[in-house]
Amino acid sequence: MPYTRTVLEVASNEPERVALTDGVRSITYGDLSRSSGAHKAVVDSLLGQLSPEALSGITFADEIGDIPVISISLTHVLDSAELVAVLAGYRTVTSVLDPLWPIEHRVRSIVRSGAQIVVTDDESLGHALVEGDWPGVIIGLDEYRARLARVSEAENREQPPTVRDDEEPFLLIFTSGTTDLPKGFLRTRKSWRYNVRVSECWLRAKPAELTFAPGPLAYSLTLYALVEVLGTGGSIMLQSRFDPLDAARLLVEKPVTRLVAVPAVLPALAQAAKRDGVQFTRLSDAVIGGANLSLALRTSFEEVAPDATVLSYYGAAEIGFIAWSTEGDGALLEPFDGLSLSVRDENGAELPEGELGQLFVRVGSQGDRYISTTGGALITGADGWATVNDRARLVGGKLLLEGRAGDIAVTGGHKVSLVQIERTLEGVPGCERCCVVTQPHRLLGEILVAVIEATPGQAAPEKARVNAMLGELLPPQFVPHRYYLAEDFPRTVGGKIRRVEVRAELEAGAYTRL
């Protein structure tokens, strides 16, 4: 496992070093090591409750085989993180489900994952699984803790955690599901060992350093932050649900030197800091992923974290780290060492530099495919190249992202990048949070519509001024035809704006025309 060896080493040499904390309660490396065998004993006893008839009613993914799958849906992030940390030292696959996901969504994810055990403190989830005749074992957190307490010291010592085989899967992750039910894919220990090395070399993950990763553990960015921190012997502070005022307080009061977050977190932190007249002076690094980091968001955050290096990166949970930037709007990215990039047309032919096409990657951390019970689509093709269908250009050895295939529109015969328009619009005062969509048009086929998220306490930007500024920065065909104001955007659990839902809300009349 990417971190079991490190957990055991730190537990032996410095058992009181904090591994996990929420700012109030802490779990040390020694705690993780000492309790692992008891967790395994409880899991084994729960698996023992499954009859052959019950097992026959569970749909197992071909890619997982007979490895036990344990789904976790808990309110408190520290409880989830502890289970993920200790179970990684055993032959198990863990899946973390956000407790705020709809019940039906979580039930379908559990069924499709082939889980045998569900650990939850949400009674409604348990009831829904029972009513749906799900044959696995459901256990509440209190009962799980009670069983842990009953495990004898001898039983605890019987099954110590071990460093597992490279090719063995240990995590089942679901995509953010912006347009459909999320697809599940596996992470092997080898793939995230590779990623931990990237974190050590590029993302400034260090031993004994306190990293703050606000956000749900079900989101792959936060889940990976847990893995990289434990894999490098650091300490991680987690937040069950992002609260900007509480997060800003923790950044001031606690010795946090490193932040891992999505871009949407930065303006909220900056606003909270400015409101209270504070700065995050201890922060030396901010590692930002999950979406493009605009220059406006970067600059605003740097004002309240003057000593922090803000590194934004592009990657995919299914593939790994791809490229990074420490300046500007993060549009032109430097590829990480050790990977190969290829931009291809719809027929799979390599495109010359500067041409827009589908991005393919070859790297040591890429996954193979989505699990069979969620469609089984390939991530890596027979030629060894992986893709998640992102669109990009290669320019002077660097990567220029243009979004997914659905982020390209054709208006009046011109092919335009919605992401490029958003990137420019984010630099206009009052438009830092925006989304560009299209609407049908009788003559042009489609027209461009910019939706701007309102900033509390600030007047809406003037359409004429915004239009004039964009006209100076973009080709005419890239300038939006209409502008709307939204109170807030629909977002994924990781903070990405759901473009499809924005368009649906626009058509439903949910936004105000500027």
Protein backbone atom coordinates (compact mmCIF):
# COMPACT_ATOMS: atom_id res chain seq x y z
CA MET A 1 0.00 0.00 0.00
CA PRO A 2 1.24 3.54 -0.64
CA TYR A 3 1.31 4.30 3.07
CA THR A 4 1.15 1.12 5.19
CA ARG A 5 4.95 0.82 5.29
CA THR A 6 5.28 4.48 6.32
CA VAL A 7 2.52 4.20 8.94
CA LEU A 8 4.28 1.22 10.53
CA GLU A 9 7.68 2.92 10.45
CA VAL A 10 6.43 6.17 12.00
CA ALA A 11 4.37 4.23 14.56
CA SER A 12 7.53 2.40 15.59
CA ASN A 13 9.82 5.45 15.75
CA GLU A 14 7.45 8.28 16.69
CA PRO A 15 4.07 6.78 17.75
CA GLU A 16 2.68 10.07 19.08
CA ARG A 17 3.01 11.88 15.74
CA VAL A 18 -0.47 12.96 14.62
CA ALA A 19 -1.69 11.18 11.50
CA LEU A 20 -5.28 12.44 11.26
CA THR A 21 -7.05 15.39 12.89
CA ASP A 22 -10.09 17.61 12.47
CA GLY A 23 -8.61 20.36 14.61
CA VAL A 24 -10.24 18.98 17.76
CA ARG A 25 -9.81 15.20 17.81
CA SER A 26 -6.57 13.56 16.66
CA ILE A 27 -5.49 10.02 15.75
CA THR A 28 -1.77 9.25 15.93
CA TYR A 29 0.32 6.88 13.88
CA GLY A 30 0.58 4.72 16.96
CA ASP A 31 -3.21 4.61 17.23
CA LEU A 32 -3.52 3.44 13.62
CA SER A 33 -0.92 0.73 14.05
CA ARG A 34 -2.24 -0.54 17.39
CA SER A 35 -5.89 -0.73 16.29
CA SER A 36 -5.47 -2.23 12.81
CA GLY A 37 -5.78 -5.85 13.89
CA ALA A 38 -8.97 -5.12 15.81
CA HIS A 39 -10.53 -3.50 12.73
CA LYS A 40 -9.61 -6.57 10.68
CA ALA A 41 -11.18 -8.84 13.32
CA VAL A 42 -14.44 -6.88 13.19
CA VAL A 43 -14.50 -6.95 9.37
CA ASP A 44 -13.87 -10.71 9.38
CA SER A 45 -16.71 -11.26 11.86
CA LEU A 46 -19.07 -9.21 9.66
CA LEU A 47 -18.06 -11.13 6.54
CA GLY A 48 -18.72 -14.31 8.50
CA GLN A 49 -22.38 -13.29 8.85
CA LEU A 50 -22.91 -13.60 5.08
CA SER A 51 -24.56 -16.83 4.07
CA PRO A 52 -23.91 -18.50 0.69
CA GLU A 53 -27.41 -17.36 -0.32
CA ALA A 54 -26.59 -13.74 0.58
CA LEU A 55 -23.31 -13.86 -1.34
CA SER A 56 -25.12 -15.22 -4.39
CA GLY A 57 -27.31 -12.10 -4.36
CA ILE A 58 -24.35 -9.71 -4.61
CA THR A 59 -23.14 -8.68 -8.07
CA PHE A 60 -19.36 -8.77 -8.00
CA ALA A 61 -17.29 -6.73 -10.46
CA ASP A 62 -14.97 -8.89 -12.54
CA GLU A 63 -12.05 -6.57 -11.81
CA ILE A 64 -12.39 -7.02 -8.03
CA GLY A 65 -13.04 -10.75 -7.92
CA ASP A 66 -13.41 -12.15 -4.41
CA ILE A 67 -11.67 -9.29 -2.57
CA PRO A 68 -14.11 -8.01 0.10
CA VAL A 69 -15.55 -4.56 -0.69
CA ILE A 70 -16.44 -2.28 2.22
CA SER A 71 -18.53 0.84 1.57
CA ILE A 72 -18.30 3.71 4.05
CA SER A 73 -20.86 6.52 4.31
CA LEU A 74 -20.23 8.45 7.53
CA THR A 75 -21.03 11.97 8.66
CA HIS A 76 -17.67 12.70 10.23
CA VAL A 77 -14.68 12.69 7.93
CA LEU A 78 -12.26 11.55 10.64
CA ASP A 79 -14.22 8.30 11.11
CA SER A 80 -14.06 7.60 7.37
CA ALA A 81 -10.36 8.48 7.16
CA GLU A 82 -9.50 6.15 10.03
CA LEU A 83 -11.23 3.20 8.34
CA VAL A 84 -9.57 3.90 4.99
CA ALA A 85 -6.18 4.13 6.70
CA VAL A 86 -6.35 0.90 8.71
CA LEU A 87 -8.06 -1.30 6.12
CA ALA A 88 -5.41 -0.53 3.49
CA GLY A 89 -3.06 -2.92 5.27
CA TYR A 90 -5.28 -5.87 4.41
CA ARG A 91 -6.83 -7.63 1.42
CA THR A 92 -9.84 -5.35 1.12
CA VAL A 93 -11.24 -2.73 -1.24
CA THR A 94 -12.71 0.37 0.39
CA SER A 95 -15.24 2.74 -1.18
CA VAL A 96 -16.13 6.10 0.41
CA LEU A 97 -19.59 7.49 -0.38
CA ASP A 98 -20.49 11.08 0.42
CA PRO A 99 -23.21 11.14 3.13
CA LEU A 100 -24.82 14.09 1.32
CA TRP A 101 -25.31 12.15 -1.90
CA PRO A 102 -28.99 11.27 -2.45
CA ILE A 103 -30.04 7.97 -0.86
CA GLU A 104 -30.90 6.39 -4.22
CA HIS A 105 -27.52 7.44 -5.59
CA ARG A 106 -25.66 5.80 -2.69
CA VAL A 107 -27.79 2.64 -2.82
CA ARG A 108 -27.09 2.18 -6.53
CA SER A 109 -23.37 2.81 -5.97
CA ILE A 110 -23.28 0.19 -3.20
CA VAL A 111 -25.09 -2.36 -5.33
CA ARG A 112 -22.89 -1.75 -8.35
CA SER A 113 -19.69 -1.85 -6.28
CA GLY A 114 -20.35 -5.41 -5.11
CA ALA A 115 -19.98 -4.31 -1.48
CA GLN A 116 -20.47 -6.95 1.19
CA ILE A 117 -20.35 -4.54 4.16
CA VAL A 118 -21.73 -1.02 4.59
CA VAL A 119 -20.59 1.07 7.56
CA THR A 120 -22.89 4.07 8.04
CA ASP A 121 -24.39 6.36 10.66
CA ASP A 122 -27.27 7.25 8.33
CA GLU A 123 -30.33 5.22 9.35
CA SER A 124 -32.19 6.21 6.19
CA LEU A 125 -29.46 4.62 4.05
CA GLY A 126 -29.71 1.42 6.07
CA HIS A 127 -33.50 1.37 5.72
CA ALA A 128 -33.28 1.94 1.96
CA LEU A 129 -30.84 -0.96 1.57
CA VAL A 130 -33.08 -3.27 3.60
CA GLU A 131 -36.19 -2.22 1.68
CA GLY A 132 -34.33 -2.90 -1.56
CA ASP A 133 -33.48 -6.43 -0.35
CA TRP A 134 -29.74 -5.76 -0.50
CA PRO A 135 -28.20 -8.97 0.93
CA GLY A 136 -25.03 -7.56 2.51
CA VAL A 137 -24.26 -6.57 6.11
CA ILE A 138 -25.20 -3.09 7.35
CA ILE A 139 -23.57 -1.87 10.55
CA GLY A 140 -23.95 1.46 12.32
CA LEU A 141 -20.88 3.33 13.52
CA ASP A 142 -21.79 2.92 17.20
CA GLU A 143 -22.16 -0.84 16.83
CA TYR A 144 -18.91 -1.00 14.86
CA ARG A 145 -17.12 0.86 17.67
CA ALA A 146 -18.68 -1.45 20.26
CA ARG A 147 -17.41 -4.50 18.40
CA LEU A 148 -13.95 -2.94 18.20
CA ALA A 149 -13.93 -2.52 21.98
CA ARG A 150 -14.76 -6.20 22.45
CA VAL A 151 -11.80 -7.44 20.39
CA SER A 152 -9.21 -8.96 22.72
CA GLU A 153 -5.57 -7.89 22.69
CA ALA A 154 -4.63 -11.38 21.50
CA GLU A 155 -7.04 -11.12 18.54
CA ASN A 156 -5.71 -7.67 17.74
CA ARG A 157 -2.15 -8.98 17.52
CA GLU A 158 -3.13 -12.00 15.41
CA GLN A 159 -3.54 -10.03 12.16
CA PRO A 160 -1.07 -7.13 11.91
CA PRO A 161 -1.22 -4.96 8.77
CA THR A 162 1.22 -5.81 6.01
CA VAL A 163 2.64 -4.10 2.91
CA ARG A 164 0.51 -5.62 0.17
CA ASP A 165 1.27 -6.62 -3.44
CA ASP A 166 1.64 -3.83 -6.02
CA GLU A 167 -1.09 -5.05 -8.36
CA GLU A 168 -3.73 -5.55 -5.68
CA PRO A 169 -6.59 -3.00 -5.74
CA PHE A 170 -7.42 -1.25 -2.47
CA LEU A 171 -9.74 1.66 -3.33
CA LEU A 172 -12.88 1.91 -5.44
CA ILE A 173 -13.49 5.50 -6.53
CA PHE A 174 -16.51 6.96 -8.28
CA THR A 175 -16.36 9.78 -10.82
CA SER A 176 -18.04 13.08 -9.96
CA GLY A 177 -21.07 12.18 -12.07
CA THR A 178 -21.75 15.58 -13.66
CA THR A 179 -24.17 14.15 -16.23
CA ASP A 180 -25.04 10.61 -15.10
CA LEU A 181 -24.60 8.10 -12.31
CA PRO A 182 -20.89 8.00 -11.47
CA LYS A 183 -18.72 5.28 -12.95
CA GLY A 184 -16.49 3.30 -10.59
CA PHE A 185 -12.82 2.52 -11.13
CA LEU A 186 -10.16 0.81 -9.05
CA ARG A 187 -6.90 2.11 -7.73
CA THR A 188 -4.10 -0.40 -7.22
CA ARG A 189 -1.38 0.09 -4.65
CA LYS A 190 1.19 0.41 -7.45
CA SER A 191 -0.68 3.27 -9.15
CA TRP A 192 -0.86 5.41 -6.03
CA ARG A 193 2.66 4.53 -4.93
CA TYR A 194 3.65 6.16 -8.22
CA ASN A 195 1.52 9.20 -7.39
CA VAL A 196 3.02 9.52 -3.91
CA ARG A 197 6.44 9.84 -5.51
CA VAL A 198 5.05 12.69 -7.62
CA SER A 199 3.76 14.35 -4.46
CA GLU A 200 7.15 14.08 -2.81
CA CYS A 201 9.01 15.50 -5.81
CA TRP A 202 6.58 18.13 -7.07
CA LEU A 203 3.70 18.77 -4.68
CA ARG A 204 5.82 19.39 -1.58
CA ALA A 205 4.41 16.62 0.60
CA LYS A 206 6.87 16.23 3.49
CA PRO A 207 7.25 14.24 6.71
CA ALA A 208 5.78 15.77 9.88
CA GLU A 209 4.17 18.63 7.91
CA LEU A 210 0.53 19.54 8.62
CA THR A 211 -1.61 19.57 5.45
CA PHE A 212 -5.16 20.92 5.48
CA ALA A 213 -7.57 19.30 3.01
CA PRO A 214 -11.10 20.67 3.50
CA GLY A 215 -13.83 18.80 1.72
CA PRO A 216 -15.56 15.41 1.63
CA LEU A 217 -13.38 12.30 1.57
CA ALA A 218 -15.55 10.85 -1.22
CA TYR A 219 -13.93 13.37 -3.57
CA SER A 220 -10.80 11.88 -5.12
CA LEU A 221 -8.68 15.00 -4.47
CA THR A 222 -9.28 14.80 -0.70
CA LEU A 223 -8.98 11.02 -0.66
CA TYR A 224 -5.64 11.20 -2.45
CA ALA A 225 -4.47 13.95 -0.06
CA LEU A 226 -5.03 11.46 2.77
CA VAL A 227 -2.97 8.84 0.95
CA GLU A 228 -0.09 11.16 0.02
CA VAL A 229 0.18 12.61 3.53
CA LEU A 230 0.25 9.21 5.23
CA GLY A 231 2.59 7.94 2.51
CA THR A 232 5.11 10.67 3.32
CA GLY A 233 4.75 10.55 7.11
CA GLY A 234 2.89 13.85 7.43
CA SER A 235 -0.21 14.91 9.32
CA ILE A 236 -3.52 15.76 7.67
CA MET A 237 -6.31 17.98 8.97
CA LEU A 238 -9.70 17.26 7.43
CA GLN A 239 -13.05 19.02 7.43
CA SER A 240 -16.26 17.03 7.05
CA ARG A 241 -17.87 19.79 5.02
CA PHE A 242 -16.14 22.92 3.84
CA ASP A 243 -16.92 25.89 6.07
CA PRO A 244 -14.90 28.95 4.97
CA LEU A 245 -15.05 30.75 8.33
CA ASP A 246 -14.01 27.67 10.29
CA ALA A 247 -11.38 26.79 7.68
CA ALA A 248 -9.90 30.30 7.85
CA ARG A 249 -9.80 30.07 11.65
CA LEU A 250 -7.95 26.75 11.48
CA LEU A 251 -5.43 28.17 9.01
CA VAL A 252 -4.69 31.00 11.46
CA GLU A 253 -4.68 29.00 14.70
CA LYS A 254 -3.11 25.69 13.64
CA PRO A 255 0.44 25.15 12.30
CA VAL A 256 -0.80 24.37 8.78
CA THR A 257 1.93 24.85 6.18
CA ARG A 258 0.25 23.16 3.20
CA LEU A 259 -3.25 23.41 1.74
CA VAL A 260 -4.79 20.94 -0.73
CA ALA A 261 -8.08 22.11 -2.22
CA VAL A 262 -10.20 22.78 -5.29
CA PRO A 263 -10.22 26.31 -6.81
CA ALA A 264 -13.68 27.11 -5.43
CA VAL A 265 -12.23 27.00 -1.90
CA LEU A 266 -9.76 29.86 -2.50
CA PRO A 267 -12.15 32.82 -2.96
CA ALA A 268 -14.16 31.73 0.07
CA LEU A 269 -11.00 31.56 2.20
CA ALA A 270 -9.77 34.90 0.87
CA GLN A 271 -13.09 36.57 1.61
CA ALA A 272 -13.15 35.11 5.15
CA ALA A 273 -9.58 36.28 5.81
CA LYS A 274 -10.28 39.80 4.54
CA ARG A 275 -13.47 40.00 6.59
CA ASP A 276 -11.54 39.20 9.78
CA GLY A 277 -8.44 41.15 8.81
CA VAL A 278 -6.10 38.14 9.00
CA GLN A 279 -3.50 36.49 6.80
CA PHE A 280 -2.41 32.88 6.46
CA THR A 281 1.23 33.58 7.23
CA ARG A 282 2.17 29.99 8.14
CA LEU A 283 1.08 28.66 4.77
CA SER A 284 4.01 27.89 2.47
CA ASP A 285 2.25 25.80 -0.20
CA ALA A 286 -1.22 25.65 -1.72
CA VAL A 287 -1.77 22.70 -4.05
CA ILE A 288 -4.89 23.25 -6.15
CA GLY A 289 -6.54 20.67 -8.39
CA GLY A 290 -9.88 19.48 -9.69
CA ALA A 291 -10.53 22.42 -12.06
CA ASN A 292 -8.72 25.30 -13.73
CA LEU A 293 -7.36 27.97 -11.37
CA SER A 294 -7.96 31.41 -12.85
CA LEU A 295 -5.53 34.29 -12.44
CA ALA A 296 -8.17 36.26 -10.51
CA LEU A 297 -8.61 33.46 -7.94
CA ARG A 298 -4.85 32.95 -7.65
CA THR A 299 -4.17 36.65 -7.10
CA SER A 300 -6.95 37.05 -4.56
CA PHE A 301 -5.65 34.14 -2.49
CA GLU A 302 -2.01 35.24 -2.71
CA GLU A 303 -3.03 38.52 -1.08
CA VAL A 304 -4.03 36.67 2.13
CA ALA A 305 -1.31 33.99 1.91
CA PRO A 306 1.70 36.15 0.98
CA ASP A 307 4.35 33.48 1.57
CA ALA A 308 2.56 30.61 -0.15
CA THR A 309 3.55 29.10 -3.47
CA VAL A 310 0.29 28.37 -5.28
CA LEU A 311 0.72 25.33 -7.52
CA SER A 312 -2.24 24.30 -9.67
CA TYR A 313 -2.21 20.96 -11.41
CA TYR A 314 -4.23 19.13 -14.00
CA GLY A 315 -4.88 15.46 -13.61
CA ALA A 316 -7.59 12.83 -13.72
CA ALA A 317 -8.45 10.48 -10.89
CA GLU A 318 -8.51 7.62 -13.41
CA ILE A 319 -5.05 8.47 -14.76
CA GLY A 320 -2.98 10.49 -12.27
CA PHE A 321 -1.02 13.73 -12.35
CA ILE A 322 -0.49 15.18 -15.83
CA ALA A 323 0.68 18.81 -15.77
CA TRP A 324 1.21 21.78 -13.44
CA SER A 325 1.60 25.55 -13.23
CA THR A 326 2.68 28.08 -10.58
CA GLU A 327 1.76 31.26 -12.41
CA GLY A 328 -0.85 33.03 -14.50
CA ASP A 329 -4.26 31.53 -15.15
CA GLY A 330 -3.06 27.93 -15.21
CA ALA A 331 -4.02 27.59 -18.87
CA LEU A 332 -0.58 26.65 -20.17
CA LEU A 333 0.74 23.77 -18.12
CA GLU A 334 4.12 22.07 -17.77
CA PRO A 335 3.86 18.25 -18.04
CA PHE A 336 5.16 16.31 -15.07
CA ASP A 337 8.32 14.29 -15.68
CA GLY A 338 8.01 10.65 -16.64
CA LEU A 339 4.90 10.75 -18.85
CA SER A 340 4.07 11.02 -22.55
CA LEU A 341 1.32 13.10 -24.13
CA SER A 342 -0.44 12.76 -27.46
CA VAL A 343 -3.19 14.89 -29.06
CA ARG A 344 -5.27 13.05 -31.67
CA ASP A 345 -8.16 13.65 -34.03
CA GLU A 346 -11.46 11.73 -34.05
CA ASN A 347 -9.84 8.95 -36.09
CA GLY A 348 -6.97 8.50 -33.64
CA ALA A 349 -4.35 10.18 -35.84
CA GLU A 350 -1.66 12.28 -34.16
CA LEU A 351 -2.23 16.00 -34.64
CA PRO A 352 0.53 18.57 -35.23
CA GLU A 353 1.47 21.03 -32.51
CA GLY A 354 -1.16 23.68 -31.84
CA GLU A 355 -4.07 21.65 -33.21
CA LEU A 356 -7.04 20.94 -30.93
CA GLY A 357 -7.87 17.30 -30.29
CA GLN A 358 -8.41 14.58 -27.74
CA LEU A 359 -5.68 14.20 -25.13
CA PHE A 360 -4.05 10.81 -24.51
CA VAL A 361 -1.58 10.08 -21.72
CA ARG A 362 0.89 7.31 -20.94
CA VAL A 363 2.05 7.29 -17.30
CA GLY A 364 2.84 4.78 -14.58
CA SER A 365 -0.29 5.57 -12.56
CA GLN A 366 -3.03 5.19 -15.19
CA GLY A 367 -6.00 2.89 -14.61
CA ASP A 368 -7.21 0.18 -16.97
CA ARG A 369 -10.99 0.50 -17.15
CA TYR A 370 -14.17 1.30 -15.24
CA ILE A 371 -15.49 -1.69 -13.34
CA SER A 372 -17.80 -3.98 -15.28
CA THR A 373 -20.81 -3.26 -13.07
CA THR A 374 -20.66 0.45 -14.02
CA GLY A 375 -20.21 -0.10 -17.74
CA GLY A 376 -16.67 -1.43 -18.07
CA ALA A 377 -15.53 1.27 -20.52
CA LEU A 378 -11.80 1.38 -21.20
CA ILE A 379 -9.58 4.05 -19.68
CA THR A 380 -6.42 2.64 -21.29
CA GLY A 381 -6.60 1.33 -24.84
CA ALA A 382 -4.84 -1.64 -26.37
CA ASP A 383 -1.99 0.66 -27.43
CA GLY A 384 -1.26 1.57 -23.79
CA TRP A 385 -2.54 5.18 -24.01
CA ALA A 386 -5.17 6.41 -21.55
CA THR A 387 -7.82 9.12 -21.98
CA VAL A 388 -10.78 10.64 -20.14
CA ASN A 389 -11.83 12.51 -23.30
CA ASP A 390 -10.36 15.89 -22.39
CA ARG A 391 -9.61 18.30 -25.25
CA ALA A 392 -6.24 20.03 -25.46
CA ARG A 393 -3.41 21.40 -27.59
CA LEU A 394 0.35 20.95 -27.28
CA VAL A 395 2.14 24.30 -27.58
CA GLY A 396 5.90 24.47 -27.29
CA GLY A 397 6.04 21.30 -25.23
CA LYS A 398 3.36 22.59 -22.86
CA LEU A 399 -0.28 21.61 -22.50
CA LEU A 400 -3.18 23.97 -23.22
CA LEU A 401 -6.45 22.55 -21.91
CA GLU A 402 -9.77 23.25 -23.62
CA GLY A 403 -12.10 21.05 -21.52
CA ARG A 404 -14.18 18.01 -22.44
CA ALA A 405 -15.72 17.33 -25.82
CA GLY A 406 -18.93 18.99 -24.60
CA ASP A 407 -16.95 22.16 -23.84
CA ILE A 408 -16.49 22.88 -27.56
CA ALA A 409 -19.31 24.68 -29.37
CA VAL A 410 -19.97 25.65 -32.99
CA THR A 411 -21.61 29.03 -33.53
CA GLY A 412 -22.06 30.58 -36.97
CA GLY A 413 -19.67 27.97 -38.38
CA HIS A 414 -16.91 28.84 -35.89
CA LYS A 415 -15.61 26.23 -33.46
CA VAL A 416 -15.07 27.89 -30.05
CA SER A 417 -13.81 26.70 -26.68
CA LEU A 418 -16.19 27.46 -23.81
CA VAL A 419 -13.32 26.97 -21.37
CA GLN A 420 -11.21 29.60 -23.13
CA ILE A 421 -14.07 32.10 -22.91
CA GLU A 422 -14.55 31.35 -19.20
CA ARG A 423 -10.84 31.70 -18.56
CA THR A 424 -10.90 35.20 -20.08
CA LEU A 425 -14.18 36.18 -18.43
CA GLU A 426 -12.84 35.23 -14.99
CA GLY A 427 -10.35 38.10 -15.33
CA VAL A 428 -13.14 40.68 -15.62
CA PRO A 429 -14.02 42.23 -12.22
CA GLY A 430 -17.27 40.78 -10.90
CA CYS A 431 -17.12 37.77 -13.21
CA GLU A 432 -14.64 35.59 -11.30
CA ARG A 433 -17.15 32.72 -11.06
CA CYS A 434 -18.78 32.08 -14.40
CA CYS A 435 -20.02 29.40 -16.77
CA VAL A 436 -20.51 29.66 -20.54
CA VAL A 437 -23.18 27.55 -22.22
CA THR A 438 -25.00 27.58 -25.54
CA GLN A 439 -28.58 28.09 -26.65
CA PRO A 440 -30.13 27.10 -29.99
CA HIS A 441 -30.37 29.85 -32.61
CA ARG A 442 -32.28 29.79 -35.91
CA LEU A 443 -29.50 31.37 -37.98
CA LEU A 444 -26.26 30.64 -36.12
CA GLY A 445 -27.11 27.14 -34.93
CA GLU A 446 -25.97 28.00 -31.40
CA ILE A 447 -25.22 31.23 -29.56
CA LEU A 448 -22.94 31.75 -26.57
CA VAL A 449 -24.44 32.62 -23.20
CA ALA A 450 -22.35 33.64 -20.19
CA VAL A 451 -23.81 33.02 -16.74
CA ILE A 452 -22.11 34.89 -13.87
CA GLU A 453 -22.43 33.87 -10.24
CA ALA A 454 -23.41 36.78 -7.99
CA THR A 455 -20.97 37.95 -5.32
CA PRO A 456 -22.74 38.75 -2.02
CA GLY A 457 -22.67 42.45 -1.25
CA GLN A 458 -21.55 43.46 -4.75
CA ALA A 459 -23.55 44.88 -7.63
CA ALA A 460 -23.90 42.81 -10.79
CA PRO A 461 -21.33 43.65 -13.49
CA GLU A 462 -22.52 45.91 -16.31
CA LYS A 463 -23.09 43.98 -19.51
CA ALA A 464 -21.73 46.75 -21.77
CA ARG A 465 -18.47 46.98 -19.82
CA VAL A 466 -18.01 43.19 -19.74
CA ASN A 467 -18.75 42.94 -23.46
CA ALA A 468 -16.28 45.72 -24.25
CA MET A 469 -13.48 44.12 -22.22
CA LEU A 470 -14.04 40.70 -23.79
CA GLY A 471 -14.10 42.33 -27.22
CA GLU A 472 -10.54 43.54 -26.62
CA LEU A 473 -9.33 40.11 -25.45
CA LEU A 474 -11.15 37.58 -27.62
CA PRO A 475 -11.96 37.07 -31.31
CA PRO A 476 -15.47 38.34 -32.14
CA GLN A 477 -16.91 34.83 -32.47
CA PHE A 478 -15.83 34.07 -28.88
CA VAL A 479 -17.70 36.99 -27.28
CA PRO A 480 -20.98 35.85 -25.64
CA HIS A 481 -24.24 37.02 -27.18
CA ARG A 482 -26.13 37.12 -23.86
CA TYR A 483 -25.35 37.46 -20.15
CA TYR A 484 -27.24 36.20 -17.11
CA LEU A 485 -26.78 36.42 -13.33
CA ALA A 486 -27.13 33.36 -11.05
CA GLU A 487 -27.40 33.34 -7.26
CA ASP A 488 -25.23 30.20 -7.15
CA PHE A 489 -24.17 27.42 -9.49
CA PRO A 490 -24.94 23.71 -9.29
CA ARG A 491 -21.64 22.02 -8.47
CA THR A 492 -20.17 18.57 -8.05
CA VAL A 493 -18.97 17.42 -4.64
CA GLY A 494 -15.50 18.60 -5.68
CA GLY A 495 -16.66 22.11 -6.55
CA LYS A 496 -16.77 21.80 -10.35
CA ILE A 497 -19.59 23.72 -12.01
CA ARG A 498 -22.11 21.36 -13.62
CA ARG A 499 -22.37 22.89 -17.10
CA VAL A 500 -25.26 20.65 -18.19
CA GLU A 501 -27.32 21.64 -15.14
CA VAL A 502 -26.49 25.33 -15.64
CA ARG A 503 -27.89 25.10 -19.15
CA ALA A 504 -31.02 23.33 -17.84
CA GLU A 505 -31.56 25.99 -15.17
CA LEU A 506 -31.07 28.69 -17.78
CA GLU A 507 -33.74 27.14 -20.00
CA ALA A 508 -36.04 26.88 -16.96
CA GLY A 509 -35.75 30.63 -16.36
CA ALA A 510 -33.79 30.38 -13.11
CA TYR A 511 -31.36 33.20 -13.96
CA THR A 512 -31.70 36.97 -14.38
CA ARG A 513 -30.91 38.51 -17.79
CA LEU A 514 -28.33 41.31 -17.69
